[in-house]
N, C-alpha and C. Protein backbone atom coordinates (compact mmCIF):
# COMPACT_ATOMS: atom_id res chain seq x y z
N MET A 1 -31.18 -28.44 17.56
CA MET A 1 -30.49 -28.60 16.32
C MET A 1 -30.52 -27.25 15.54
N GLU A 2 -31.57 -26.40 15.61
CA GLU A 2 -31.74 -25.24 14.94
C GLU A 2 -30.82 -24.30 15.35
N ILE A 3 -30.49 -24.25 16.70
CA ILE A 3 -29.41 -23.18 16.85
C ILE A 3 -28.13 -23.56 16.59
N PHE A 4 -27.79 -24.79 16.22
CA PHE A 4 -26.36 -25.00 15.51
C PHE A 4 -26.54 -24.60 14.05
N LEU A 5 -27.46 -24.78 13.43
CA LEU A 5 -27.69 -24.28 11.88
C LEU A 5 -27.71 -22.88 11.92
N LEU A 6 -28.14 -22.15 12.91
CA LEU A 6 -27.92 -20.76 12.95
C LEU A 6 -26.66 -20.24 13.05
N LEU A 7 -26.07 -20.90 14.14
CA LEU A 7 -24.54 -20.46 14.40
C LEU A 7 -23.73 -20.86 13.23
N LEU A 8 -23.95 -22.10 12.39
CA LEU A 8 -23.26 -22.15 11.12
C LEU A 8 -23.54 -21.30 10.03
N ASP A 9 -24.70 -20.71 10.11
CA ASP A 9 -24.86 -19.63 9.07
C ASP A 9 -24.20 -18.40 9.56
N GLU A 10 -23.95 -18.09 10.73
CA GLU A 10 -23.47 -16.86 11.12
C GLU A 10 -22.04 -16.99 10.76
N LEU A 11 -21.44 -18.19 11.23
CA LEU A 11 -19.79 -18.60 10.81
C LEU A 11 -19.64 -18.48 9.41
N ASP A 12 -20.68 -18.89 8.53
CA ASP A 12 -20.38 -18.96 7.10
C ASP A 12 -20.38 -17.29 6.67
N ASP A 13 -21.31 -16.65 7.23
CA ASP A 13 -21.19 -15.25 6.89
C ASP A 13 -19.94 -14.36 7.16
N ALA A 14 -19.38 -14.79 8.49
CA ALA A 14 -18.34 -14.09 8.96
C ALA A 14 -17.20 -14.48 8.10
N VAL A 15 -16.95 -15.87 7.77
CA VAL A 15 -15.90 -16.17 6.98
C VAL A 15 -15.88 -15.48 5.49
N ALA A 16 -17.01 -15.45 4.99
CA ALA A 16 -17.40 -14.79 3.68
C ALA A 16 -16.90 -13.35 3.83
N THR A 17 -17.23 -12.61 4.67
CA THR A 17 -16.88 -11.29 5.03
C THR A 17 -15.41 -11.09 5.15
N LEU A 18 -14.68 -11.97 5.81
CA LEU A 18 -13.32 -12.00 6.07
C LEU A 18 -12.67 -12.25 4.76
N CYS A 19 -13.04 -13.14 3.93
CA CYS A 19 -12.60 -13.44 2.73
C CYS A 19 -12.69 -12.25 1.76
N MET A 20 -13.81 -11.47 1.90
CA MET A 20 -14.10 -10.35 0.78
C MET A 20 -13.11 -9.30 1.46
N LEU A 21 -12.78 -8.93 2.66
CA LEU A 21 -12.17 -7.83 3.38
C LEU A 21 -10.61 -8.16 3.49
N TRP A 22 -10.05 -9.43 3.07
CA TRP A 22 -8.68 -9.66 3.21
C TRP A 22 -7.74 -8.86 2.66
N SER A 23 -8.03 -8.38 1.53
CA SER A 23 -7.02 -7.46 0.85
C SER A 23 -7.01 -6.23 1.59
N ARG A 24 -7.97 -5.74 1.99
CA ARG A 24 -7.86 -4.27 2.72
C ARG A 24 -7.18 -4.68 4.31
N LEU A 25 -7.50 -5.75 4.68
CA LEU A 25 -6.90 -5.95 6.08
C LEU A 25 -5.40 -6.23 5.77
N TRP A 26 -4.98 -6.97 4.82
CA TRP A 26 -3.80 -7.11 4.59
C TRP A 26 -2.81 -5.81 4.16
N GLY A 27 -3.59 -4.85 3.37
CA GLY A 27 -2.97 -3.60 3.12
C GLY A 27 -2.92 -2.80 4.44
N LEU A 28 -4.00 -2.76 5.39
CA LEU A 28 -3.70 -1.91 6.66
C LEU A 28 -2.44 -2.54 7.42
N LEU A 29 -2.46 -3.79 7.60
CA LEU A 29 -1.25 -4.38 8.35
C LEU A 29 -0.13 -4.10 7.75
N LEU A 30 0.09 -4.18 6.29
CA LEU A 30 1.48 -3.73 5.74
C LEU A 30 1.80 -2.44 6.01
N SER A 31 0.84 -1.48 5.74
CA SER A 31 1.08 0.03 5.87
C SER A 31 1.44 0.26 7.28
N SER A 32 0.69 -0.38 8.23
CA SER A 32 1.07 0.18 9.62
C SER A 32 2.37 -0.57 10.04
N GLY A 33 2.66 -1.57 9.49
CA GLY A 33 4.22 -2.20 9.70
C GLY A 33 5.10 -1.16 9.13
N LEU A 34 4.98 -0.82 7.87
CA LEU A 34 5.94 0.06 7.17
C LEU A 34 6.07 1.43 8.02
N PHE A 35 4.97 1.96 8.41
CA PHE A 35 4.84 3.30 9.20
C PHE A 35 5.64 2.89 10.49
N ALA A 36 5.54 1.87 11.11
CA ALA A 36 6.28 1.66 12.50
C ALA A 36 7.71 1.43 12.18
N LEU A 37 8.10 0.83 11.15
CA LEU A 37 9.38 0.67 10.73
C LEU A 37 10.00 1.93 10.33
N SER A 38 9.40 2.95 9.60
CA SER A 38 10.04 4.29 9.28
C SER A 38 10.18 5.05 10.55
N VAL A 39 9.17 4.68 11.61
CA VAL A 39 9.34 5.65 12.80
C VAL A 39 10.61 5.19 13.67
N LEU A 40 10.75 3.99 13.51
CA LEU A 40 11.97 3.24 14.38
C LEU A 40 13.19 3.71 13.64
N VAL A 41 13.24 3.71 12.43
CA VAL A 41 14.48 4.16 11.73
C VAL A 41 14.68 5.64 12.04
N ALA A 42 13.71 6.37 11.93
CA ALA A 42 13.82 7.95 12.26
C ALA A 42 14.51 8.16 13.57
N MET A 43 13.84 7.27 14.54
CA MET A 43 14.28 7.65 15.91
C MET A 43 15.86 6.89 16.31
N TYR A 44 16.09 5.90 15.73
CA TYR A 44 17.40 5.28 15.87
C TYR A 44 18.50 5.64 15.01
N TRP A 45 18.09 5.74 13.75
CA TRP A 45 19.23 6.20 12.92
C TRP A 45 18.69 7.13 11.96
N PRO A 46 18.75 8.34 12.32
CA PRO A 46 18.30 9.47 11.55
C PRO A 46 18.94 9.72 10.37
N TRP A 47 20.34 9.44 10.38
CA TRP A 47 21.02 9.74 9.07
C TRP A 47 20.48 8.61 7.90
N LEU A 48 20.20 7.57 8.41
CA LEU A 48 19.44 6.78 7.22
C LEU A 48 18.26 6.91 6.98
N ALA A 49 17.34 7.77 7.71
CA ALA A 49 16.15 8.10 7.51
C ALA A 49 16.27 9.40 6.40
N GLY A 50 17.32 10.23 6.66
CA GLY A 50 17.63 11.44 5.76
C GLY A 50 17.94 10.95 4.33
N VAL A 51 18.77 9.90 4.41
CA VAL A 51 19.36 9.48 3.04
C VAL A 51 18.21 8.70 2.44
N GLY A 52 17.13 8.07 3.09
CA GLY A 52 16.05 7.54 2.48
C GLY A 52 15.04 8.56 1.76
N VAL A 53 14.80 9.69 2.50
CA VAL A 53 14.10 10.78 2.12
C VAL A 53 14.85 11.19 0.89
N LEU A 54 15.91 11.48 0.91
CA LEU A 54 16.73 12.05 -0.31
C LEU A 54 16.75 11.09 -1.33
N LEU A 55 16.62 10.01 -1.31
CA LEU A 55 16.61 8.95 -2.40
C LEU A 55 15.17 9.03 -3.12
N LEU A 56 14.12 9.08 -2.00
CA LEU A 56 12.78 9.16 -2.54
C LEU A 56 12.53 10.55 -3.23
N MET A 57 12.99 11.59 -2.71
CA MET A 57 12.70 12.69 -3.63
C MET A 57 13.42 12.77 -4.86
N SER A 58 14.52 12.40 -4.79
CA SER A 58 15.34 12.44 -6.02
C SER A 58 14.53 11.23 -7.09
N CYS A 59 14.11 10.23 -6.88
CA CYS A 59 13.41 9.30 -7.77
C CYS A 59 12.20 10.05 -8.06
N TRP A 60 11.56 10.67 -7.10
CA TRP A 60 10.25 11.17 -7.27
C TRP A 60 10.40 12.45 -8.51
N ALA A 61 11.39 13.26 -8.36
CA ALA A 61 11.91 14.19 -9.42
C ALA A 61 12.18 13.58 -10.76
N GLY A 62 12.98 12.46 -10.71
CA GLY A 62 13.22 11.85 -11.89
C GLY A 62 12.24 11.28 -12.69
N LEU A 63 11.32 10.72 -11.98
CA LEU A 63 10.06 10.43 -12.56
C LEU A 63 9.13 11.42 -13.29
N SER A 64 9.13 12.51 -12.47
CA SER A 64 8.34 13.63 -13.05
C SER A 64 8.89 14.22 -14.14
N LEU A 65 10.22 14.21 -14.23
CA LEU A 65 10.87 14.67 -15.51
C LEU A 65 10.69 13.69 -16.63
N LEU A 66 10.65 12.50 -16.53
CA LEU A 66 10.40 11.43 -17.45
C LEU A 66 9.00 11.77 -18.04
N ARG A 67 8.11 11.99 -17.28
CA ARG A 67 6.74 12.19 -17.47
C ARG A 67 6.50 13.20 -18.58
N LEU A 68 7.33 14.33 -18.32
CA LEU A 68 7.29 15.50 -19.16
C LEU A 68 7.61 15.37 -20.52
N LYS A 69 8.42 14.51 -20.97
CA LYS A 69 8.77 14.18 -22.26
C LYS A 69 7.81 13.21 -22.98
N PRO A 70 7.40 13.52 -24.29
CA PRO A 70 6.67 12.61 -24.87
C PRO A 70 7.28 11.29 -25.45
N LEU A 71 6.78 10.19 -25.33
CA LEU A 71 7.24 9.12 -25.63
C LEU A 71 7.68 8.99 -27.12
N LEU A 72 6.68 9.26 -28.11
CA LEU A 72 6.89 9.48 -29.40
C LEU A 72 6.50 10.68 -29.87
N GLY A 73 7.14 11.16 -31.02
CA GLY A 73 6.96 12.63 -31.56
C GLY A 73 5.91 12.55 -32.71
N PHE A 74 5.04 11.60 -32.71
CA PHE A 74 4.05 11.52 -33.86
C PHE A 74 2.99 12.31 -33.47
N LYS A 75 2.42 13.10 -34.39
CA LYS A 75 1.04 14.03 -34.34
C LYS A 75 0.07 13.09 -35.01
N THR A 76 -0.94 12.58 -34.06
CA THR A 76 -1.86 11.72 -34.74
C THR A 76 -3.08 12.49 -35.10
N ASP A 77 -3.49 13.64 -34.52
CA ASP A 77 -4.60 14.49 -35.06
C ASP A 77 -4.13 15.45 -36.30
N THR A 78 -4.76 15.27 -37.38
CA THR A 78 -4.70 16.15 -38.44
C THR A 78 -5.48 17.10 -38.85
């Protein structure tokens, strides 16, 4: 009977650890899937990969230009 209680204790610890690390595991699976998809697109449809990189770079440049502008022109320190 004691062996079953020890087994249940270990299973409870394993489930608690899995619940704690679930978001990291989900992120790892999602990023691995996106990486595999990007490799597949680059191998079979290189023009589509080039368009995607071009769009990504233009969005990145647009966001960096937006960050350089101040939102409001008020001076708070006097």
